[in-house]
């Protein structure tokens, strides 16, 4: 059983528009609901791929109930801590003309100490039946980023592989717990490294030093340049597949899902990279955040190539 922990989950609503201007009515060509929150997105993908998983986190209100229903319909198990308020909704705006996309996010639920303790109790209980732990996303108001150090370290102390993804102070906190794999982007790796990173060579140098420091394999996403996986004793460049991209929202979270799926079965990180990047490409074919079709993942899997990288 893969355990996913999303402290600040959401539902996404994606709008496709021709263009954006202030002070005018913007008419969308289509609008679709989707999952939101890194680890919850990964649960959504894992459910589609047939991997048993349990989604933990905080939820509230009608939006939280819709989120839970969507996950369960996809085959995921859930055990959220229910709190006051309303689970947040993020807005994803995608250009119909290929100009790019942006996301508007809400801060999330206000969490108190008692509610956080409930989450910790659920997490401790879930570890007893876990094969892998996946933690990611932002922390909601009222929660210190040190929670990531605590959760990652607890899972590692239990002998479980941990896949982790966060940004800013949350990334550093999680890395201090020494996860098995972390998936920052190039901007996040530069912030963690403390120096600018502008090309793949500098990315490798930063990734290798951070891998040595924290002991975690790093899968660093590079946008249109694909990704660089810096693993103990080896590195790979994974290039972007040439596919018709509809929306990239949730693609990175599909990489997390593939990595967790492989580790949960005792397979190699390389196996996880193949599955994760095939799932990420499949997500890009679908309008809704983190949505994909298993048939697309299986079709794209043979096209994923890990090219050995040497500085």
C-alpha atoms as a PDB file:
ATOM      1  CA  UNK A   1       0.000   0.000   0.000  1.00  0.00           C
ATOM      2  CA  UNK A   2       1.381   3.397  -1.019  1.00  0.00           C
ATOM      3  CA  UNK A   3       0.620   6.112   1.538  1.00  0.00           C
ATOM      4  CA  UNK A   4       0.262   9.650   0.198  1.00  0.00           C
ATOM      5  CA  UNK A   5       0.226  12.698   2.471  1.00  0.00           C
ATOM      6  CA  UNK A   6      -1.129  16.027   1.219  1.00  0.00           C
ATOM      7  CA  UNK A   7      -1.358  18.581   4.013  1.00  0.00           C
ATOM      8  CA  UNK A   8      -2.954  21.172   1.714  1.00  0.00           C
ATOM      9  CA  UNK A   9      -5.073  19.311  -0.867  1.00  0.00           C
ATOM     10  CA  UNK A  10      -7.404  20.958  -3.348  1.00  0.00           C
ATOM     11  CA  UNK A  11      -9.608  20.499  -6.325  1.00  0.00           C
ATOM     12  CA  UNK A  12      -8.584  22.228  -9.539  1.00  0.00           C
ATOM     13  CA  UNK A  13     -10.819  23.857 -12.116  1.00  0.00           C
ATOM     14  CA  UNK A  14      -9.157  24.340 -15.500  1.00  0.00           C
ATOM     15  CA  UNK A  15     -10.390  27.031 -17.902  1.00  0.00           C
ATOM     16  CA  UNK A  16      -9.286  27.155 -21.525  1.00  0.00           C
ATOM     17  CA  UNK A  17      -9.349  30.693 -22.932  1.00  0.00           C
ATOM     18  CA  UNK A  18      -8.203  32.452 -26.071  1.00  0.00           C
ATOM     19  CA  UNK A  19      -6.551  35.362 -24.282  1.00  0.00           C
ATOM     20  CA  UNK A  20      -6.626  37.274 -21.008  1.00  0.00           C
ATOM     21  CA  UNK A  21      -7.218  40.963 -20.383  1.00  0.00           C
ATOM     22  CA  UNK A  22      -8.043  42.845 -17.210  1.00  0.00           C
ATOM     23  CA  UNK A  23     -11.407  44.620 -16.901  1.00  0.00           C
ATOM     24  CA  UNK A  24     -13.295  42.463 -19.364  1.00  0.00           C
ATOM     25  CA  UNK A  25     -15.381  39.292 -19.385  1.00  0.00           C
ATOM     26  CA  UNK A  26     -13.297  36.271 -20.370  1.00  0.00           C
ATOM     27  CA  UNK A  27     -15.283  33.490 -22.028  1.00  0.00           C
ATOM     28  CA  UNK A  28     -13.801  30.013 -21.683  1.00  0.00           C
ATOM     29  CA  UNK A  29     -13.968  27.530 -24.545  1.00  0.00           C
ATOM     30  CA  UNK A  30     -14.175  24.720 -21.983  1.00  0.00           C
ATOM     31  CA  UNK A  31     -13.921  24.141 -18.244  1.00  0.00           C
ATOM     32  CA  UNK A  32     -13.027  20.875 -16.514  1.00  0.00           C
ATOM     33  CA  UNK A  33     -12.626  19.768 -12.858  1.00  0.00           C
ATOM     34  CA  UNK A  34      -9.551  17.906 -11.679  1.00  0.00           C
ATOM     35  CA  UNK A  35      -7.607  16.820  -8.622  1.00  0.00           C
ATOM     36  CA  UNK A  36      -5.267  19.254  -6.823  1.00  0.00           C
ATOM     37  CA  UNK A  37      -2.345  19.040  -4.404  1.00  0.00           C
ATOM     38  CA  UNK A  38       0.862  17.178  -5.242  1.00  0.00           C
ATOM     39  CA  UNK A  39       0.485  13.935  -3.310  1.00  0.00           C
ATOM     40  CA  UNK A  40      -3.278  13.793  -3.828  1.00  0.00           C
ATOM     41  CA  UNK A  41      -2.648  14.197  -7.553  1.00  0.00           C
ATOM     42  CA  UNK A  42      -0.249  11.266  -7.310  1.00  0.00           C
ATOM     43  CA  UNK A  43      -2.936   9.169  -5.591  1.00  0.00           C
ATOM     44  CA  UNK A  44      -5.276  10.030  -8.460  1.00  0.00           C
ATOM     45  CA  UNK A  45      -2.711   8.784 -11.001  1.00  0.00           C
ATOM     46  CA  UNK A  46      -1.872   5.690  -8.940  1.00  0.00           C
ATOM     47  CA  UNK A  47      -5.554   4.808  -8.810  1.00  0.00           C
ATOM     48  CA  UNK A  48      -5.799   4.965 -12.600  1.00  0.00           C
ATOM     49  CA  UNK A  49      -2.735   2.731 -12.917  1.00  0.00           C
ATOM     50  CA  UNK A  50      -4.140   0.167 -10.493  1.00  0.00           C
ATOM     51  CA  UNK A  51      -1.819   0.721  -7.522  1.00  0.00           C
ATOM     52  CA  UNK A  52      -3.376   0.434  -4.068  1.00  0.00           C
ATOM     53  CA  UNK A  53      -2.936   3.672  -2.157  1.00  0.00           C
ATOM     54  CA  UNK A  54      -4.243   5.515   0.883  1.00  0.00           C
ATOM     55  CA  UNK A  55      -4.580   9.308   0.737  1.00  0.00           C
ATOM     56  CA  UNK A  56      -4.046  11.181   4.018  1.00  0.00           C
ATOM     57  CA  UNK A  57      -4.371  14.888   4.707  1.00  0.00           C
ATOM     58  CA  UNK A  58      -6.892  17.499   5.747  1.00  0.00           C
ATOM     59  CA  UNK A  59     -10.304  18.030   4.145  1.00  0.00           C
ATOM     60  CA  UNK A  60     -13.349  20.207   4.749  1.00  0.00           C
ATOM     61  CA  UNK A  61     -16.775  21.096   3.413  1.00  0.00           C
ATOM     62  CA  UNK A  62     -18.507  20.191   0.183  1.00  0.00           C
ATOM     63  CA  UNK A  63     -15.304  20.553  -1.826  1.00  0.00           C
ATOM     64  CA  UNK A  64     -13.552  18.107   0.480  1.00  0.00           C
ATOM     65  CA  UNK A  65     -16.382  15.615   0.075  1.00  0.00           C
ATOM     66  CA  UNK A  66     -16.195  15.933  -3.726  1.00  0.00           C
ATOM     67  CA  UNK A  67     -12.437  15.399  -3.569  1.00  0.00           C
ATOM     68  CA  UNK A  68     -12.858  12.284  -1.446  1.00  0.00           C
ATOM     69  CA  UNK A  69     -15.575  10.919  -3.734  1.00  0.00           C
ATOM     70  CA  UNK A  70     -13.400  11.446  -6.825  1.00  0.00           C
ATOM     71  CA  UNK A  71     -10.474   9.628  -5.219  1.00  0.00           C
ATOM     72  CA  UNK A  72     -12.618   6.705  -4.094  1.00  0.00           C
ATOM     73  CA  UNK A  73     -14.207   6.383  -7.510  1.00  0.00           C
ATOM     74  CA  UNK A  74     -10.684   6.093  -8.927  1.00  0.00           C
ATOM     75  CA  UNK A  75      -9.957   3.202  -6.556  1.00  0.00           C
ATOM     76  CA  UNK A  76      -8.030   5.137  -3.905  1.00  0.00           C
ATOM     77  CA  UNK A  77      -8.621   4.743  -0.187  1.00  0.00           C
ATOM     78  CA  UNK A  78      -8.876   7.870   1.952  1.00  0.00           C
ATOM     79  CA  UNK A  79      -8.538   8.714   5.630  1.00  0.00           C
ATOM     80  CA  UNK A  80      -8.637  12.494   5.877  1.00  0.00           C
ATOM     81  CA  UNK A  81      -8.746  14.560   9.040  1.00  0.00           C
ATOM     82  CA  UNK A  82     -11.950  16.562   8.669  1.00  0.00           C
ATOM     83  CA  UNK A  83     -11.742  20.178   9.841  1.00  0.00           C
ATOM     84  CA  UNK A  84     -13.798  23.370   9.739  1.00  0.00           C
ATOM     85  CA  UNK A  85     -13.911  25.445   6.560  1.00  0.00           C
ATOM     86  CA  UNK A  86     -13.763  24.463   2.889  1.00  0.00           C
ATOM     87  CA  UNK A  87     -11.103  22.571   0.970  1.00  0.00           C
ATOM     88  CA  UNK A  88      -9.473  25.033  -1.393  1.00  0.00           C
ATOM     89  CA  UNK A  89     -10.105  25.314  -5.119  1.00  0.00           C
ATOM     90  CA  UNK A  90      -7.302  26.253  -7.508  1.00  0.00           C
ATOM     91  CA  UNK A  91      -7.883  27.852 -10.900  1.00  0.00           C
ATOM     92  CA  UNK A  92      -5.769  26.719 -13.854  1.00  0.00           C
ATOM     93  CA  UNK A  93      -5.898  28.956 -16.938  1.00  0.00           C
ATOM     94  CA  UNK A  94      -4.686  27.477 -20.227  1.00  0.00           C
ATOM     95  CA  UNK A  95      -4.254  29.375 -23.478  1.00  0.00           C
ATOM     96  CA  UNK A  96      -6.173  27.912 -26.427  1.00  0.00           C
ATOM     97  CA  UNK A  97      -3.454  29.349 -28.657  1.00  0.00           C
ATOM     98  CA  UNK A  98      -0.519  27.673 -26.979  1.00  0.00           C
ATOM     99  CA  UNK A  99       0.777  30.750 -25.148  1.00  0.00           C
ATOM    100  CA  UNK A 100       1.146  28.847 -21.873  1.00  0.00           C
ATOM    101  CA  UNK A 101      -0.772  28.358 -18.664  1.00  0.00           C
ATOM    102  CA  UNK A 102      -0.962  29.745 -15.132  1.00  0.00           C
ATOM    103  CA  UNK A 103      -2.435  28.618 -11.829  1.00  0.00           C
ATOM    104  CA  UNK A 104      -4.176  30.684  -9.140  1.00  0.00           C
ATOM    105  CA  UNK A 105      -3.998  29.022  -5.735  1.00  0.00           C
ATOM    106  CA  UNK A 106      -5.742  29.612  -2.423  1.00  0.00           C
ATOM    107  CA  UNK A 107      -3.824  29.486   0.897  1.00  0.00           C
ATOM    108  CA  UNK A 108      -5.782  26.547   2.291  1.00  0.00           C
ATOM    109  CA  UNK A 109      -7.401  25.473   5.548  1.00  0.00           C
ATOM    110  CA  UNK A 110      -6.435  26.834   8.959  1.00  0.00           C
ATOM    111  CA  UNK A 111      -5.106  23.868  10.936  1.00  0.00           C
ATOM    112  CA  UNK A 112      -4.721  23.796  14.716  1.00  0.00           C
ATOM    113  CA  UNK A 113      -2.463  21.644  16.919  1.00  0.00           C
ATOM    114  CA  UNK A 114      -5.201  19.162  17.794  1.00  0.00           C
ATOM    115  CA  UNK A 115      -5.998  18.529  14.136  1.00  0.00           C
ATOM    116  CA  UNK A 116      -2.331  18.165  13.279  1.00  0.00           C
ATOM    117  CA  UNK A 117      -1.937  15.599  16.056  1.00  0.00           C
ATOM    118  CA  UNK A 118      -4.830  13.613  14.541  1.00  0.00           C
ATOM    119  CA  UNK A 119      -3.026  13.578  11.200  1.00  0.00           C
ATOM    120  CA  UNK A 120       0.170  12.368  12.876  1.00  0.00           C
ATOM    121  CA  UNK A 121      -1.751   9.546  14.562  1.00  0.00           C
ATOM    122  CA  UNK A 122      -3.286   8.452  11.249  1.00  0.00           C
ATOM    123  CA  UNK A 123       0.135   8.595   9.612  1.00  0.00           C
ATOM    124  CA  UNK A 124       1.756   6.465  12.332  1.00  0.00           C
ATOM    125  CA  UNK A 125      -0.996   3.858  12.018  1.00  0.00           C
ATOM    126  CA  UNK A 126      -0.784   3.810   8.213  1.00  0.00           C
ATOM    127  CA  UNK A 127       2.973   3.184   8.235  1.00  0.00           C
ATOM    128  CA  UNK A 128       2.370  -0.298   9.656  1.00  0.00           C
ATOM    129  CA  UNK A 129       0.844  -1.431   6.334  1.00  0.00           C
ATOM    130  CA  UNK A 130       2.783   0.813   3.958  1.00  0.00           C
ATOM    131  CA  UNK A 131       5.158  -0.221   1.175  1.00  0.00           C
ATOM    132  CA  UNK A 132       6.132   3.350   0.250  1.00  0.00           C
ATOM    133  CA  UNK A 133       5.324   6.886   1.406  1.00  0.00           C
ATOM    134  CA  UNK A 134       4.769   9.875  -0.874  1.00  0.00           C
ATOM    135  CA  UNK A 135       4.643  13.341   0.696  1.00  0.00           C
ATOM    136  CA  UNK A 136       4.264  16.624  -1.131  1.00  0.00           C
ATOM    137  CA  UNK A 137       2.812  20.065  -1.624  1.00  0.00           C
ATOM    138  CA  UNK A 138       2.523  23.199   0.457  1.00  0.00           C
ATOM    139  CA  UNK A 139       1.706  23.376   4.149  1.00  0.00           C
ATOM    140  CA  UNK A 140      -1.576  25.029   5.162  1.00  0.00           C
ATOM    141  CA  UNK A 141      -1.830  28.016   7.514  1.00  0.00           C
ATOM    142  CA  UNK A 142      -1.066  27.084  11.103  1.00  0.00           C
ATOM    143  CA  UNK A 143       1.385  24.294  10.233  1.00  0.00           C
ATOM    144  CA  UNK A 144       5.165  24.731  10.435  1.00  0.00           C
ATOM    145  CA  UNK A 145       7.272  23.286   7.605  1.00  0.00           C
ATOM    146  CA  UNK A 146       9.171  21.211  10.181  1.00  0.00           C
ATOM    147  CA  UNK A 147       6.277  18.756   9.886  1.00  0.00           C
ATOM    148  CA  UNK A 148       7.942  17.565   6.685  1.00  0.00           C
ATOM    149  CA  UNK A 149      11.196  16.753   8.484  1.00  0.00           C
ATOM    150  CA  UNK A 150       9.222  14.831  11.077  1.00  0.00           C
ATOM    151  CA  UNK A 151       7.054  12.825   8.669  1.00  0.00           C
ATOM    152  CA  UNK A 152       9.867  11.966   6.247  1.00  0.00           C
ATOM    153  CA  UNK A 153      12.175  10.943   9.064  1.00  0.00           C
ATOM    154  CA  UNK A 154       9.484   8.835  10.725  1.00  0.00           C
ATOM    155  CA  UNK A 155       8.819   6.907   7.520  1.00  0.00           C
ATOM    156  CA  UNK A 156      12.525   6.385   6.906  1.00  0.00           C
ATOM    157  CA  UNK A 157      13.010   5.179  10.476  1.00  0.00           C
ATOM    158  CA  UNK A 158      10.249   2.647   9.760  1.00  0.00           C
ATOM    159  CA  UNK A 159      12.367   1.331   6.892  1.00  0.00           C
ATOM    160  CA  UNK A 160      10.134   2.699   4.131  1.00  0.00           C
ATOM    161  CA  UNK A 161      11.154   4.443   0.901  1.00  0.00           C
ATOM    162  CA  UNK A 162       9.941   8.042   0.734  1.00  0.00           C
ATOM    163  CA  UNK A 163       9.215  10.148  -2.356  1.00  0.00           C
ATOM    164  CA  UNK A 164       9.055  13.873  -1.557  1.00  0.00           C
ATOM    165  CA  UNK A 165       8.172  17.062  -3.426  1.00  0.00           C
ATOM    166  CA  UNK A 166       7.772  20.578  -2.026  1.00  0.00           C
ATOM    167  CA  UNK A 167       9.154  24.063  -2.608  1.00  0.00           C
ATOM    168  CA  UNK A 168      10.878  26.805  -0.630  1.00  0.00           C
ATOM    169  CA  UNK A 169      11.304  26.203   3.110  1.00  0.00           C
ATOM    170  CA  UNK A 170       9.171  23.069   2.795  1.00  0.00           C
ATOM    171  CA  UNK A 171      11.673  21.513   0.391  1.00  0.00           C
ATOM    172  CA  UNK A 172      14.584  22.131   2.733  1.00  0.00           C
ATOM    173  CA  UNK A 173      12.629  20.794   5.699  1.00  0.00           C
ATOM    174  CA  UNK A 174      11.720  17.623   3.869  1.00  0.00           C
ATOM    175  CA  UNK A 175      15.287  17.091   2.660  1.00  0.00           C
ATOM    176  CA  UNK A 176      16.503  17.253   6.246  1.00  0.00           C
ATOM    177  CA  UNK A 177      14.380  14.164   6.894  1.00  0.00           C
ATOM    178  CA  UNK A 178      16.479  12.391   4.201  1.00  0.00           C
ATOM    179  CA  UNK A 179      13.880  11.066   1.735  1.00  0.00           C
ATOM    180  CA  UNK A 180      14.743   8.357  -0.776  1.00  0.00           C
ATOM    181  CA  UNK A 181      13.875  10.578  -3.752  1.00  0.00           C
ATOM    182  CA  UNK A 182      13.007  14.259  -4.078  1.00  0.00           C
ATOM    183  CA  UNK A 183      11.648  15.976  -7.205  1.00  0.00           C
ATOM    184  CA  UNK A 184      12.448  19.719  -7.249  1.00  0.00           C
ATOM    185  CA  UNK A 185      12.372  21.867 -10.375  1.00  0.00           C
ATOM    186  CA  UNK A 186      15.360  23.873 -11.550  1.00  0.00           C
ATOM    187  CA  UNK A 187      14.322  27.020  -9.638  1.00  0.00           C
ATOM    188  CA  UNK A 188      13.750  25.069  -6.438  1.00  0.00           C
ATOM    189  CA  UNK A 189      17.106  23.301  -6.708  1.00  0.00           C
ATOM    190  CA  UNK A 190      18.825  26.677  -7.136  1.00  0.00           C
ATOM    191  CA  UNK A 191      17.132  28.004  -3.994  1.00  0.00           C
ATOM    192  CA  UNK A 192      18.118  24.920  -2.012  1.00  0.00           C
ATOM    193  CA  UNK A 193      21.661  25.054  -3.402  1.00  0.00           C
ATOM    194  CA  UNK A 194      22.015  28.753  -2.630  1.00  0.00           C
ATOM    195  CA  UNK A 195      23.428  29.694  -6.051  1.00  0.00           C
ATOM    196  CA  UNK A 196      21.924  30.417  -9.494  1.00  0.00           C
ATOM    197  CA  UNK A 197      21.468  27.413 -11.768  1.00  0.00           C
ATOM    198  CA  UNK A 198      21.047  28.257 -15.449  1.00  0.00           C
ATOM    199  CA  UNK A 199      21.923  25.172 -17.515  1.00  0.00           C
ATOM    200  CA  UNK A 200      22.063  21.405 -17.272  1.00  0.00           C
ATOM    201  CA  UNK A 201      25.740  21.416 -16.300  1.00  0.00           C
ATOM    202  CA  UNK A 202      25.133  23.691 -13.335  1.00  0.00           C
ATOM    203  CA  UNK A 203      22.030  21.679 -12.482  1.00  0.00           C
ATOM    204  CA  UNK A 204      24.092  18.495 -12.351  1.00  0.00           C
ATOM    205  CA  UNK A 205      26.734  20.122 -10.143  1.00  0.00           C
ATOM    206  CA  UNK A 206      24.085  21.411  -7.718  1.00  0.00           C
ATOM    207  CA  UNK A 207      22.211  18.128  -7.782  1.00  0.00           C
ATOM    208  CA  UNK A 208      25.310  16.059  -7.095  1.00  0.00           C
ATOM    209  CA  UNK A 209      26.383  18.212  -4.139  1.00  0.00           C
ATOM    210  CA  UNK A 210      22.864  18.143  -2.683  1.00  0.00           C
ATOM    211  CA  UNK A 211      22.557  14.407  -3.283  1.00  0.00           C
ATOM    212  CA  UNK A 212      25.780  13.898  -1.365  1.00  0.00           C
ATOM    213  CA  UNK A 213      24.596  16.216   1.428  1.00  0.00           C
ATOM    214  CA  UNK A 214      21.117  14.801   1.977  1.00  0.00           C
ATOM    215  CA  UNK A 215      21.501  11.252   0.666  1.00  0.00           C
ATOM    216  CA  UNK A 216      18.410  11.568  -1.545  1.00  0.00           C
ATOM    217  CA  UNK A 217      18.233  10.813  -5.236  1.00  0.00           C
ATOM    218  CA  UNK A 218      17.119  13.952  -7.081  1.00  0.00           C
ATOM    219  CA  UNK A 219      14.833  14.122 -10.098  1.00  0.00           C
ATOM    220  CA  UNK A 220      15.143  17.741 -11.242  1.00  0.00           C
ATOM    221  CA  UNK A 221      12.583  18.910 -13.776  1.00  0.00           C
ATOM    222  CA  UNK A 222      13.875  21.354 -16.403  1.00  0.00           C
ATOM    223  CA  UNK A 223      10.730  22.466 -18.240  1.00  0.00           C
ATOM    224  CA  UNK A 224      11.103  22.037 -22.001  1.00  0.00           C
ATOM    225  CA  UNK A 225      14.538  20.492 -21.443  1.00  0.00           C
ATOM    226  CA  UNK A 226      12.970  17.498 -19.692  1.00  0.00           C
ATOM    227  CA  UNK A 227      14.552  16.346 -16.455  1.00  0.00           C
ATOM    228  CA  UNK A 228      17.874  15.393 -14.920  1.00  0.00           C
ATOM    229  CA  UNK A 229      17.940  12.459 -12.508  1.00  0.00           C
ATOM    230  CA  UNK A 230      20.932  12.623 -10.179  1.00  0.00           C
ATOM    231  CA  UNK A 231      21.181   9.255  -8.456  1.00  0.00           C
ATOM    232  CA  UNK A 232      23.914   7.683  -6.319  1.00  0.00           C
ATOM    233  CA  UNK A 233      26.772   6.947  -8.719  1.00  0.00           C
ATOM    234  CA  UNK A 234      24.864   7.735 -11.908  1.00  0.00           C
ATOM    235  CA  UNK A 235      22.754  10.356 -13.660  1.00  0.00           C
ATOM    236  CA  UNK A 236      20.271  10.448 -16.540  1.00  0.00           C
ATOM    237  CA  UNK A 237      18.801  13.085 -18.832  1.00  0.00           C
ATOM    238  CA  UNK A 238      15.151  12.406 -19.684  1.00  0.00           C
ATOM    239  CA  UNK A 239      13.939  14.410 -22.676  1.00  0.00           C
ATOM    240  CA  UNK A 240      10.393  15.615 -23.268  1.00  0.00           C
ATOM    241  CA  UNK A 241       8.326  13.465 -25.609  1.00  0.00           C
ATOM    242  CA  UNK A 242       7.013  15.169 -28.740  1.00  0.00           C
ATOM    243  CA  UNK A 243       3.290  14.951 -28.062  1.00  0.00           C
ATOM    244  CA  UNK A 244       0.303  17.309 -28.505  1.00  0.00           C
ATOM    245  CA  UNK A 245       0.182  18.996 -25.085  1.00  0.00           C
ATOM    246  CA  UNK A 246      -3.276  20.004 -23.840  1.00  0.00           C
ATOM    247  CA  UNK A 247      -2.328  20.936 -20.251  1.00  0.00           C
ATOM    248  CA  UNK A 248       0.763  20.247 -18.153  1.00  0.00           C
ATOM    249  CA  UNK A 249      -1.035  20.656 -14.801  1.00  0.00           C
ATOM    250  CA  UNK A 250      -0.245  17.650 -12.619  1.00  0.00           C
ATOM    251  CA  UNK A 251       2.369  16.164 -14.949  1.00  0.00           C
ATOM    252  CA  UNK A 252       5.111  16.466 -12.348  1.00  0.00           C
ATOM    253  CA  UNK A 253       2.888  14.749  -9.807  1.00  0.00           C
ATOM    254  CA  UNK A 254       2.522  11.814 -12.207  1.00  0.00           C
ATOM    255  CA  UNK A 255       6.312  11.455 -12.037  1.00  0.00           C
ATOM    256  CA  UNK A 256       5.979  11.133  -8.266  1.00  0.00           C
ATOM    257  CA  UNK A 257       3.361   8.433  -8.758  1.00  0.00           C
ATOM    258  CA  UNK A 258       5.602   6.414 -11.056  1.00  0.00           C
ATOM    259  CA  UNK A 259       8.543   6.637  -8.679  1.00  0.00           C
ATOM    260  CA  UNK A 260       6.412   5.587  -5.707  1.00  0.00           C
ATOM    261  CA  UNK A 261       4.880   2.707  -7.669  1.00  0.00           C
ATOM    262  CA  UNK A 262       8.319   1.306  -8.520  1.00  0.00           C
ATOM    263  CA  UNK A 263       9.732   1.684  -5.022  1.00  0.00           C
ATOM    264  CA  UNK A 264       6.631   0.108  -3.473  1.00  0.00           C
ATOM    265  CA  UNK A 265       7.338  -3.048  -5.485  1.00  0.00           C
ATOM    266  CA  UNK A 266      11.064  -3.093  -4.746  1.00  0.00           C
ATOM    267  CA  UNK A 267      11.952  -2.046  -8.279  1.00  0.00           C
ATOM    268  CA  UNK A 268      14.723   0.340  -9.308  1.00  0.00           C
ATOM    269  CA  UNK A 269      14.527   4.120  -9.508  1.00  0.00           C
ATOM    270  CA  UNK A 270      15.102   3.687 -13.236  1.00  0.00           C
ATOM    271  CA  UNK A 271      11.865   1.677 -13.456  1.00  0.00           C
ATOM    272  CA  UNK A 272      10.129   4.489 -11.608  1.00  0.00           C
ATOM    273  CA  UNK A 273      11.528   7.089 -13.982  1.00  0.00           C
ATOM    274  CA  UNK A 274      10.234   5.195 -16.995  1.00  0.00           C
ATOM    275  CA  UNK A 275       6.749   4.811 -15.527  1.00  0.00           C
ATOM    276  CA  UNK A 276       6.641   8.309 -14.043  1.00  0.00           C
ATOM    277  CA  UNK A 277       7.582  10.151 -17.194  1.00  0.00           C
ATOM    278  CA  UNK A 278       5.243   8.018 -19.306  1.00  0.00           C
ATOM    279  CA  UNK A 279       2.452   8.939 -16.877  1.00  0.00           C
ATOM    280  CA  UNK A 280       3.494  12.610 -17.007  1.00  0.00           C
ATOM    281  CA  UNK A 281       3.253  12.591 -20.798  1.00  0.00           C
ATOM    282  CA  UNK A 282      -0.158  10.917 -20.584  1.00  0.00           C
ATOM    283  CA  UNK A 283      -1.355  13.645 -18.193  1.00  0.00           C
ATOM    284  CA  UNK A 284      -0.387  16.283 -20.759  1.00  0.00           C
ATOM    285  CA  UNK A 285      -2.880  14.755 -23.215  1.00  0.00           C
ATOM    286  CA  UNK A 286      -5.889  15.352 -20.917  1.00  0.00           C
ATOM    287  CA  UNK A 287      -7.462  18.740 -20.015  1.00  0.00           C
ATOM    288  CA  UNK A 288      -8.004  18.045 -16.288  1.00  0.00           C
ATOM    289  CA  UNK A 289      -5.214  18.348 -13.729  1.00  0.00           C
ATOM    290  CA  UNK A 290      -3.341  15.065 -13.088  1.00  0.00           C
ATOM    291  CA  UNK A 291      -5.809  13.085 -15.179  1.00  0.00           C
ATOM    292  CA  UNK A 292      -4.522  10.358 -17.465  1.00  0.00           C
ATOM    293  CA  UNK A 293      -5.545   7.111 -19.100  1.00  0.00           C
ATOM    294  CA  UNK A 294      -3.768   3.866 -18.343  1.00  0.00           C
ATOM    295  CA  UNK A 295      -3.784   2.921 -22.026  1.00  0.00           C
ATOM    296  CA  UNK A 296      -1.893   6.126 -22.874  1.00  0.00           C
ATOM    297  CA  UNK A 297       0.686   5.443 -20.162  1.00  0.00           C
ATOM    298  CA  UNK A 298       1.281   1.933 -21.490  1.00  0.00           C
ATOM    299  CA  UNK A 299       1.536   3.230 -25.058  1.00  0.00           C
ATOM    300  CA  UNK A 300       4.035   5.942 -24.160  1.00  0.00           C
ATOM    301  CA  UNK A 301       6.150   3.833 -21.785  1.00  0.00           C
ATOM    302  CA  UNK A 302       8.442   2.350 -24.478  1.00  0.00           C
ATOM    303  CA  UNK A 303       9.206   5.878 -25.733  1.00  0.00           C
ATOM    304  CA  UNK A 304      10.779   7.060 -22.465  1.00  0.00           C
ATOM    305  CA  UNK A 305      14.559   7.042 -22.756  1.00  0.00           C
ATOM    306  CA  UNK A 306      17.032   7.510 -19.911  1.00  0.00           C
ATOM    307  CA  UNK A 307      20.193   8.903 -21.447  1.00  0.00           C
ATOM    308  CA  UNK A 308      23.254   8.501 -19.187  1.00  0.00           C
ATOM    309  CA  UNK A 309      24.605  11.941 -18.259  1.00  0.00           C
ATOM    310  CA  UNK A 310      28.199  12.766 -17.411  1.00  0.00           C
ATOM    311  CA  UNK A 311      29.395  16.283 -16.548  1.00  0.00           C
END
